[in-house]
Amino acid sequence: MKKTIVALAVMGLGFTGAHAQEMVVKIGNVAPLTGTIAHLGKDNENGARLAVEEANAKGVTIGGKKVKFELVGEDDQADPRTGTTVAQRLVDAGVKGVVGHLNSGTTIPASRIYDQGGIPMISPSATNPKLTQQGYKGVFRTIANDVQQGSVLGKFMVADLGAKKVAIIDDRTAYGQGLADETEKAAKAGGAQIVAREFTTDKATDFNAILTKIRATAPDVIFFGGMDAQAGPMLRQLKQLGISAKFLTGDGGCSPEMIKLGGEALSSSAYCSMAGLPLDKMPGGADFRERYKKRFNTDVQIYSPYAYDATNAFINAMEKAGSVEAAKYLPELKKISFPGVTGNVAFDDKGDIKEGSVTLYQFKDGNWVAM
């Protein structure tokens, strides 16, 4: 998708005598910290913060100089214009790298600004394929893209759910519409008929008009491309309208918050996908869950493990290059390979994660359960 920025700015602090020169590396985190998906933005920030704090506790030396990382948080409100404003601010501040954004709709326009400023970026959650198809040499992501995810979703609704008639709704964001488009392609290829294609916004809460139109088409499955803030209320209104179609959504709705928002409307006929493995099946997932809970006294939402790995990818590349300058560490970042929480972190020639996986979930016994 899903917009967090982690930016790296560096100041050299000179010391005399027995003290070696120390660098302070500022890692800025820009995410939607207010608004309907603030819980996801805070989750990303927490993932980056945990990586920074653990690096500081361990002690990191880059080019023979001791480094202290500092996290600086900003709020992009999940808004493309605000996102680009913040991106330019970070470029002007001389940042050395960016982890973010959370949403595709903010990440894609911001990526142009980072490219012009010569600053590498890694998104932990932006899944729109366009991000890594622009030809920018310093753009990466630690999560599978929507071509992979949409293909799995479309095939699943036809082959496993037996859907012959499918209705599709998206929130008209780069993420929501992009995932809906890829899902539609795969569903059509599997032989399903798309009986309705509707759209809403990422701020809407009333979906009765479009759901009433969809009800008349009697779909077997309704797919929603968007976030949990809309998916939850939408599912409630589906139930109120007596629509019995199975409900399927992507990673934006595959969250604990979706369960809260959907409430009693959630049933075993609700499914979602996640670009990645279940947390408990990630190589470092169980341990990460414990460390995260201990540090922040809350549960992982969705993307914090990917933000954690993205932050560590920057740190590892800088260590290998012995420099925090992009021109020197970017070659190392391109060929980086290390065991992260989410799996092996390594990028292909476009900047996509090499081993991106997709997992399907069904709502059972009050939770999303991997299938």
Protein backbone atom coordinates (compact mmCIF):
# COMPACT_ATOMS: atom_id res chain seq x y z
CA MET A 1 0.00 0.00 0.00
CA LYS A 2 -0.39 1.04 2.51
CA LYS A 3 3.27 5.67 3.52
CA THR A 4 5.72 5.88 6.33
CA ILE A 5 8.93 7.84 5.78
CA VAL A 6 12.07 7.07 7.63
CA ALA A 7 14.68 9.62 6.66
CA LEU A 8 18.31 9.68 7.56
CA ALA A 9 20.10 12.95 8.22
CA VAL A 10 23.62 13.10 9.53
CA MET A 11 25.64 15.58 11.51
CA GLY A 12 29.30 15.13 12.35
CA LEU A 13 30.14 16.06 15.91
CA GLY A 14 33.83 16.62 16.50
CA PHE A 15 35.50 15.46 19.67
CA THR A 16 39.07 15.95 20.79
CA GLY A 17 41.43 13.92 22.91
CA ALA A 18 40.50 10.32 23.58
CA HIS A 19 37.04 10.68 22.05
CA ALA A 20 36.62 9.57 18.46
CA GLN A 21 34.44 11.57 16.12
CA GLU A 22 30.76 10.61 16.48
CA MET A 23 28.01 10.90 13.88
CA VAL A 24 24.39 11.52 14.81
CA VAL A 25 22.19 9.90 12.19
CA LYS A 26 18.66 11.26 12.28
CA ILE A 27 16.03 8.85 11.06
CA GLY A 28 12.78 10.66 10.37
CA ASN A 29 9.53 8.76 10.30
CA VAL A 30 6.66 10.28 8.32
CA ALA A 31 3.35 8.46 8.47
CA PRO A 32 -0.36 9.16 8.94
CA LEU A 33 -0.25 9.76 12.68
CA THR A 34 -3.66 11.43 12.63
CA GLY A 35 -6.82 10.47 10.76
CA THR A 36 -8.59 7.19 10.11
CA ILE A 37 -5.48 5.05 9.60
CA ALA A 38 -3.30 6.62 12.27
CA HIS A 39 -3.05 3.19 13.94
CA LEU A 40 -1.22 1.89 10.87
CA GLY A 41 1.04 4.94 10.71
CA LYS A 42 1.98 4.55 14.36
CA ASP A 43 2.66 0.86 13.75
CA ASN A 44 5.15 1.75 11.02
CA GLU A 45 6.78 4.36 13.23
CA ASN A 46 7.10 1.83 16.04
CA GLY A 47 8.80 -0.66 13.74
CA ALA A 48 11.38 1.92 12.69
CA ARG A 49 11.83 3.12 16.27
CA LEU A 50 12.50 -0.40 17.51
CA ALA A 51 15.21 -0.90 14.86
CA VAL A 52 16.85 2.40 15.79
CA GLU A 53 16.78 1.72 19.51
CA GLU A 54 18.21 -1.77 19.09
CA ALA A 55 20.98 -0.47 16.82
CA ASN A 56 21.92 2.14 19.41
CA ALA A 57 21.91 -0.47 22.19
CA LYS A 58 24.18 -2.72 20.15
CA GLY A 59 26.49 0.09 19.06
CA VAL A 60 27.10 0.79 15.38
CA THR A 61 30.31 2.01 13.77
CA ILE A 62 30.31 3.36 10.21
CA GLY A 63 33.60 4.27 8.55
CA GLY A 64 35.39 3.99 11.86
CA LYS A 65 33.04 6.46 13.55
CA LYS A 66 30.56 5.63 16.26
CA VAL A 67 26.98 6.34 15.22
CA LYS A 68 23.99 7.35 17.30
CA PHE A 69 20.63 7.09 15.55
CA GLU A 70 17.78 9.45 16.39
CA LEU A 71 14.19 9.01 15.21
CA VAL A 72 12.25 12.10 14.17
CA GLY A 73 8.51 11.57 13.55
CA GLU A 74 6.27 13.59 11.24
CA ASP A 75 2.62 13.27 10.18
CA ASP A 76 1.81 13.15 6.44
CA GLN A 77 -1.92 12.59 7.09
CA ALA A 78 -2.03 9.98 4.29
CA ASP A 79 -2.30 12.91 1.90
CA PRO A 80 -0.22 12.99 -1.34
CA ARG A 81 0.26 16.76 -1.23
CA THR A 82 1.36 16.70 2.39
CA GLY A 83 3.58 13.74 1.59
CA THR A 84 5.44 15.59 -1.14
CA THR A 85 5.77 18.67 1.06
CA VAL A 86 7.38 16.57 3.77
CA ALA A 87 9.59 14.82 1.21
CA GLN A 88 10.98 18.13 -0.03
CA ARG A 89 11.51 19.24 3.56
CA LEU A 90 13.60 16.12 4.18
CA VAL A 91 15.61 16.65 1.00
CA ASP A 92 16.30 20.24 2.02
CA ALA A 93 17.39 19.00 5.45
CA GLY A 94 20.05 16.80 3.84
CA VAL A 95 18.59 13.42 4.79
CA LYS A 96 20.56 10.35 3.77
CA GLY A 97 17.75 7.85 3.20
CA VAL A 98 14.01 7.36 3.57
CA VAL A 99 11.92 4.49 4.87
CA GLY A 100 8.42 5.18 3.58
CA HIS A 101 5.85 6.17 2.83
CA LEU A 102 3.04 3.99 4.10
CA ASN A 103 0.53 4.51 1.27
CA SER A 104 1.19 4.06 -2.42
CA GLY A 105 -0.65 7.33 -3.07
CA THR A 106 1.92 9.28 -1.09
CA THR A 107 4.95 7.12 -1.86
CA ILE A 108 4.80 7.36 -5.65
CA PRO A 109 4.79 11.17 -5.96
CA ALA A 110 7.32 11.50 -3.12
CA SER A 111 9.68 9.05 -4.83
CA ARG A 112 10.28 11.56 -7.63
CA ILE A 113 11.42 14.16 -5.12
CA TYR A 114 13.78 11.74 -3.41
CA ASP A 115 15.19 10.66 -6.77
CA GLN A 116 15.85 14.26 -7.76
CA GLY A 117 17.55 14.79 -4.41
CA GLY A 118 19.71 11.67 -4.78
CA ILE A 119 18.20 10.03 -1.70
CA PRO A 120 17.41 6.28 -1.60
CA MET A 121 14.08 5.21 -0.16
CA ILE A 122 12.56 1.92 0.99
CA SER A 123 8.81 1.56 1.46
CA PRO A 124 7.62 -1.01 3.99
CA SER A 125 4.03 -0.95 2.78
CA ALA A 126 3.44 0.73 -0.62
CA THR A 127 2.37 -2.10 -2.91
CA ASN A 128 1.36 -0.37 -6.17
CA PRO A 129 3.56 -1.81 -8.98
CA LYS A 130 4.19 1.66 -10.45
CA LEU A 131 6.51 2.56 -7.58
CA THR A 132 9.36 0.39 -8.82
CA GLN A 133 8.51 0.75 -12.53
CA GLN A 134 9.55 4.40 -12.78
CA GLY A 135 13.21 3.70 -13.37
CA TYR A 136 14.47 5.41 -10.22
CA LYS A 137 17.69 3.74 -9.11
CA GLY A 138 17.20 4.35 -5.39
CA VAL A 139 13.64 3.07 -4.85
CA PHE A 140 12.98 -0.19 -3.00
CA ARG A 141 10.26 -1.97 -1.02
CA THR A 142 10.32 -4.75 1.56
CA ILE A 143 6.83 -6.10 0.77
CA ALA A 144 5.25 -7.91 -2.19
CA ASN A 145 3.53 -5.74 -4.81
CA ASP A 146 -0.07 -5.70 -6.03
CA VAL A 147 0.59 -7.71 -9.18
CA GLN A 148 1.50 -10.63 -6.95
CA GLN A 149 -1.27 -9.96 -4.44
CA GLY A 150 -4.01 -9.26 -6.99
CA SER A 151 -3.18 -12.42 -8.89
CA VAL A 152 -3.58 -14.52 -5.73
CA LEU A 153 -6.85 -12.78 -4.77
CA GLY A 154 -8.43 -13.14 -8.22
CA LYS A 155 -7.53 -16.80 -8.52
CA PHE A 156 -8.73 -17.53 -4.99
CA MET A 157 -12.18 -16.03 -5.45
CA VAL A 158 -12.77 -18.10 -8.56
CA ALA A 159 -10.99 -21.38 -7.81
CA ASP A 160 -11.62 -21.62 -4.07
CA LEU A 161 -14.72 -19.52 -3.41
CA GLY A 162 -16.42 -20.63 -6.63
CA ALA A 163 -17.27 -17.07 -7.67
CA LYS A 164 -19.00 -16.70 -11.02
CA LYS A 165 -20.20 -13.13 -10.45
CA VAL A 166 -17.91 -10.60 -8.78
CA ALA A 167 -18.53 -7.00 -7.67
CA ILE A 168 -15.52 -4.75 -7.09
CA ILE A 169 -15.28 -1.54 -5.07
CA ASP A 170 -12.17 0.59 -4.61
CA ASP A 171 -11.32 3.79 -2.77
CA ARG A 172 -9.71 5.48 -5.80
CA THR A 173 -6.31 5.71 -4.12
CA ALA A 174 -3.20 4.44 -5.88
CA TYR A 175 -3.25 1.46 -3.55
CA GLY A 176 -6.96 0.63 -3.53
CA GLN A 177 -7.59 1.10 -7.24
CA GLY A 178 -4.31 -0.56 -8.19
CA LEU A 179 -5.05 -3.69 -6.18
CA ALA A 180 -8.65 -3.78 -7.45
CA ASP A 181 -7.42 -3.56 -11.06
CA GLU A 182 -5.00 -6.46 -10.61
CA THR A 183 -7.64 -8.55 -8.80
CA GLU A 184 -10.14 -7.89 -11.59
CA LYS A 185 -7.65 -9.03 -14.22
CA ALA A 186 -7.03 -12.30 -12.41
CA ALA A 187 -10.73 -12.93 -11.73
CA LYS A 188 -11.60 -12.38 -15.40
CA ALA A 189 -8.76 -14.65 -16.48
CA GLY A 190 -10.24 -17.32 -14.21
CA GLY A 191 -13.62 -17.02 -15.91
CA ALA A 192 -15.55 -14.81 -13.47
CA GLN A 193 -17.92 -12.09 -14.66
CA ILE A 194 -17.45 -8.61 -13.17
CA VAL A 195 -21.05 -7.56 -12.58
CA ALA A 196 -20.27 -4.22 -10.91
CA ARG A 197 -17.28 -1.90 -10.55
CA GLU A 198 -17.93 0.91 -8.07
CA PHE A 199 -15.75 3.40 -6.26
CA THR A 200 -15.78 5.44 -3.08
CA THR A 201 -13.13 7.51 -1.28
CA ASP A 202 -10.68 6.86 1.53
CA LYS A 203 -12.66 9.27 3.74
CA ALA A 204 -16.16 7.83 3.21
CA THR A 205 -18.23 6.05 5.86
CA ASP A 206 -21.60 5.67 4.10
CA PHE A 207 -21.67 3.05 1.35
CA ASN A 208 -25.40 2.33 1.19
CA ALA A 209 -25.92 3.82 -2.28
CA ILE A 210 -23.26 1.76 -4.03
CA LEU A 211 -24.07 -1.36 -2.02
CA THR A 212 -27.74 -1.08 -2.96
CA LYS A 213 -26.71 -0.97 -6.64
CA ILE A 214 -24.47 -3.98 -6.12
CA ARG A 215 -27.20 -5.95 -4.34
CA ALA A 216 -29.25 -5.88 -7.54
CA THR A 217 -26.47 -7.75 -9.40
CA ALA A 218 -26.49 -10.65 -6.87
CA PRO A 219 -22.71 -11.16 -6.75
CA ASP A 220 -21.10 -14.24 -5.24
CA VAL A 221 -18.14 -12.22 -3.99
CA ILE A 222 -17.60 -8.53 -3.24
CA PHE A 223 -14.01 -7.33 -3.32
CA PHE A 224 -12.92 -4.05 -1.73
CA GLY A 225 -9.63 -2.35 -2.55
CA GLY A 226 -8.86 0.03 0.29
CA MET A 227 -8.14 0.34 4.00
CA ASP A 228 -9.70 -1.04 7.17
CA ALA A 229 -11.25 2.34 8.05
CA GLN A 230 -13.66 1.86 5.12
CA ALA A 231 -13.76 -1.95 4.96
CA GLY A 232 -15.14 -2.31 8.50
CA PRO A 233 -18.13 0.02 8.12
CA MET A 234 -18.74 -1.34 4.62
CA LEU A 235 -19.05 -4.86 5.96
CA ARG A 236 -21.55 -3.68 8.60
CA GLN A 237 -23.67 -2.04 5.92
CA LEU A 238 -23.53 -5.16 3.75
CA LYS A 239 -25.09 -7.09 6.61
CA GLN A 240 -27.72 -4.39 7.21
CA LEU A 241 -28.73 -4.58 3.55
CA GLY A 242 -29.03 -8.36 3.71
CA ILE A 243 -26.26 -8.97 1.16
CA SER A 244 -24.96 -12.50 1.62
CA ALA A 245 -22.01 -12.36 -0.79
CA LYS A 246 -18.59 -13.37 0.49
CA PHE A 247 -16.38 -10.37 1.31
CA LEU A 248 -12.76 -10.18 0.25
CA THR A 249 -10.21 -7.41 0.77
CA GLY A 250 -6.46 -6.89 0.64
CA ASP A 251 -3.76 -6.14 3.20
CA GLY A 252 -5.22 -2.70 3.98
CA GLY A 253 -8.12 -4.43 5.71
CA CYS A 254 -6.24 -7.41 7.09
CA SER A 255 -5.72 -5.86 10.51
CA PRO A 256 -6.87 -6.09 14.13
CA GLU A 257 -8.57 -2.71 13.64
CA MET A 258 -10.72 -4.21 10.88
CA ILE A 259 -12.02 -6.72 13.41
CA LYS A 260 -12.98 -3.90 15.78
CA LEU A 261 -14.65 -1.87 13.04
CA GLY A 262 -16.46 -4.80 11.42
CA GLY A 263 -17.73 -6.13 14.72
CA GLU A 264 -20.59 -8.61 14.53
CA ALA A 265 -20.74 -8.26 10.74
CA LEU A 266 -17.54 -10.29 10.43
CA SER A 267 -18.07 -13.98 9.82
CA SER A 268 -16.35 -16.92 8.18
CA SER A 269 -17.43 -15.51 4.80
CA ALA A 270 -14.91 -12.64 5.22
CA TYR A 271 -11.42 -13.05 3.79
CA CYS A 272 -8.34 -10.89 3.37
CA SER A 273 -4.85 -11.15 1.97
CA MET A 274 -1.50 -10.05 3.31
CA ALA A 275 1.57 -9.33 1.24
CA GLY A 276 3.89 -11.47 3.31
CA LEU A 277 3.87 -14.34 5.77
CA PRO A 278 1.78 -14.45 8.95
CA LEU A 279 3.72 -12.89 11.82
CA ASP A 280 4.08 -16.24 13.58
CA LYS A 281 5.50 -17.79 10.40
CA MET A 282 7.99 -15.03 9.69
CA PRO A 283 11.52 -16.23 10.55
CA GLY A 284 11.81 -13.60 13.28
CA GLY A 285 8.11 -12.96 13.80
CA ALA A 286 7.44 -14.51 17.18
CA ASP A 287 10.43 -12.82 18.78
CA PHE A 288 9.57 -9.51 17.10
CA ARG A 289 6.02 -9.70 18.46
CA GLU A 290 7.34 -10.10 22.00
CA ARG A 291 9.89 -7.28 21.72
CA TYR A 292 7.33 -4.99 20.11
CA LYS A 293 4.71 -5.70 22.79
CA LYS A 294 7.21 -5.18 25.57
CA ARG A 295 8.44 -1.87 24.16
CA PHE A 296 5.13 -0.31 23.05
CA ASN A 297 2.53 -2.18 25.13
CA THR A 298 0.40 -2.81 22.07
CA ASP A 299 0.08 -5.44 19.35
CA VAL A 300 1.56 -5.36 15.86
CA GLN A 301 -0.97 -4.05 13.33
CA ILE A 302 0.41 -4.92 9.87
CA TYR A 303 3.53 -3.27 8.52
CA SER A 304 5.87 -2.66 11.47
CA PRO A 305 8.00 -5.77 10.72
CA TYR A 306 8.59 -4.44 7.19
CA ALA A 307 9.48 -0.98 8.52
CA TYR A 308 11.87 -2.63 10.95
CA ASP A 309 13.57 -4.58 8.14
CA ALA A 310 13.69 -1.50 5.89
CA THR A 311 15.44 0.52 8.58
CA ASN A 312 17.95 -2.25 9.15
CA ALA A 313 18.57 -2.52 5.41
CA PHE A 314 19.80 1.08 5.42
CA ILE A 315 21.93 0.52 8.50
CA ASN A 316 23.46 -2.68 7.10
CA ALA A 317 24.24 -1.08 3.73
CA MET A 318 25.88 1.91 5.41
CA GLU A 319 27.97 -0.38 7.60
CA LYS A 320 29.12 -2.43 4.62
CA ALA A 321 29.98 0.69 2.61
CA GLY A 322 31.59 2.45 5.57
CA SER A 323 29.65 5.56 4.63
CA VAL A 324 26.28 7.25 5.08
CA GLU A 325 26.55 8.96 1.69
CA ALA A 326 24.09 7.57 -0.86
CA ALA A 327 26.63 7.46 -3.69
CA LYS A 328 28.74 5.10 -1.60
CA TYR A 329 26.17 2.94 0.19
CA LEU A 330 23.58 2.60 -2.62
CA PRO A 331 25.61 -0.12 -4.43
CA GLU A 332 25.63 -2.09 -1.17
CA LEU A 333 21.90 -1.56 -0.70
CA LYS A 334 21.23 -2.91 -4.19
CA LYS A 335 23.01 -6.16 -3.38
CA ILE A 336 22.06 -6.38 0.30
CA SER A 337 21.06 -9.80 1.62
CA PHE A 338 20.42 -10.47 5.29
CA PRO A 339 17.96 -12.45 7.43
CA GLY A 340 15.25 -10.01 8.53
CA VAL A 341 12.15 -10.45 10.65
CA THR A 342 10.00 -10.91 7.53
CA GLY A 343 12.42 -13.22 5.71
CA ASN A 344 15.53 -12.73 3.64
CA VAL A 345 15.88 -9.06 2.71
CA ALA A 346 17.23 -8.76 -0.83
CA PHE A 347 16.04 -6.70 -3.81
CA ASP A 348 15.75 -7.41 -7.53
CA ASP A 349 17.00 -5.05 -10.23
CA LYS A 350 13.82 -2.94 -10.01
CA GLY A 351 13.95 -2.63 -6.22
CA ASP A 352 11.18 -5.12 -5.39
CA ILE A 353 11.75 -7.62 -2.60
CA LYS A 354 13.00 -10.84 -4.19
CA GLU A 355 11.08 -13.33 -2.08
CA GLY A 356 7.78 -11.50 -1.70
CA SER A 357 4.99 -13.83 -0.61
CA VAL A 358 1.21 -13.50 -0.22
CA THR A 359 -0.93 -15.15 2.47
CA LEU A 360 -4.72 -15.51 2.54
CA TYR A 361 -6.71 -15.24 5.77
CA GLN A 362 -10.24 -16.18 6.81
CA PHE A 363 -12.11 -14.71 9.77
CA LYS A 364 -12.55 -17.44 12.39
CA ASP A 365 -13.11 -17.44 16.14
CA GLY A 366 -12.66 -13.69 16.42
CA ASN A 367 -9.39 -13.46 14.49
CA TRP A 368 -7.84 -13.50 11.04
CA VAL A 369 -6.57 -17.05 10.57
CA ALA A 370 -4.04 -17.93 7.86
CA MET A 371 -5.35 -20.43 5.35
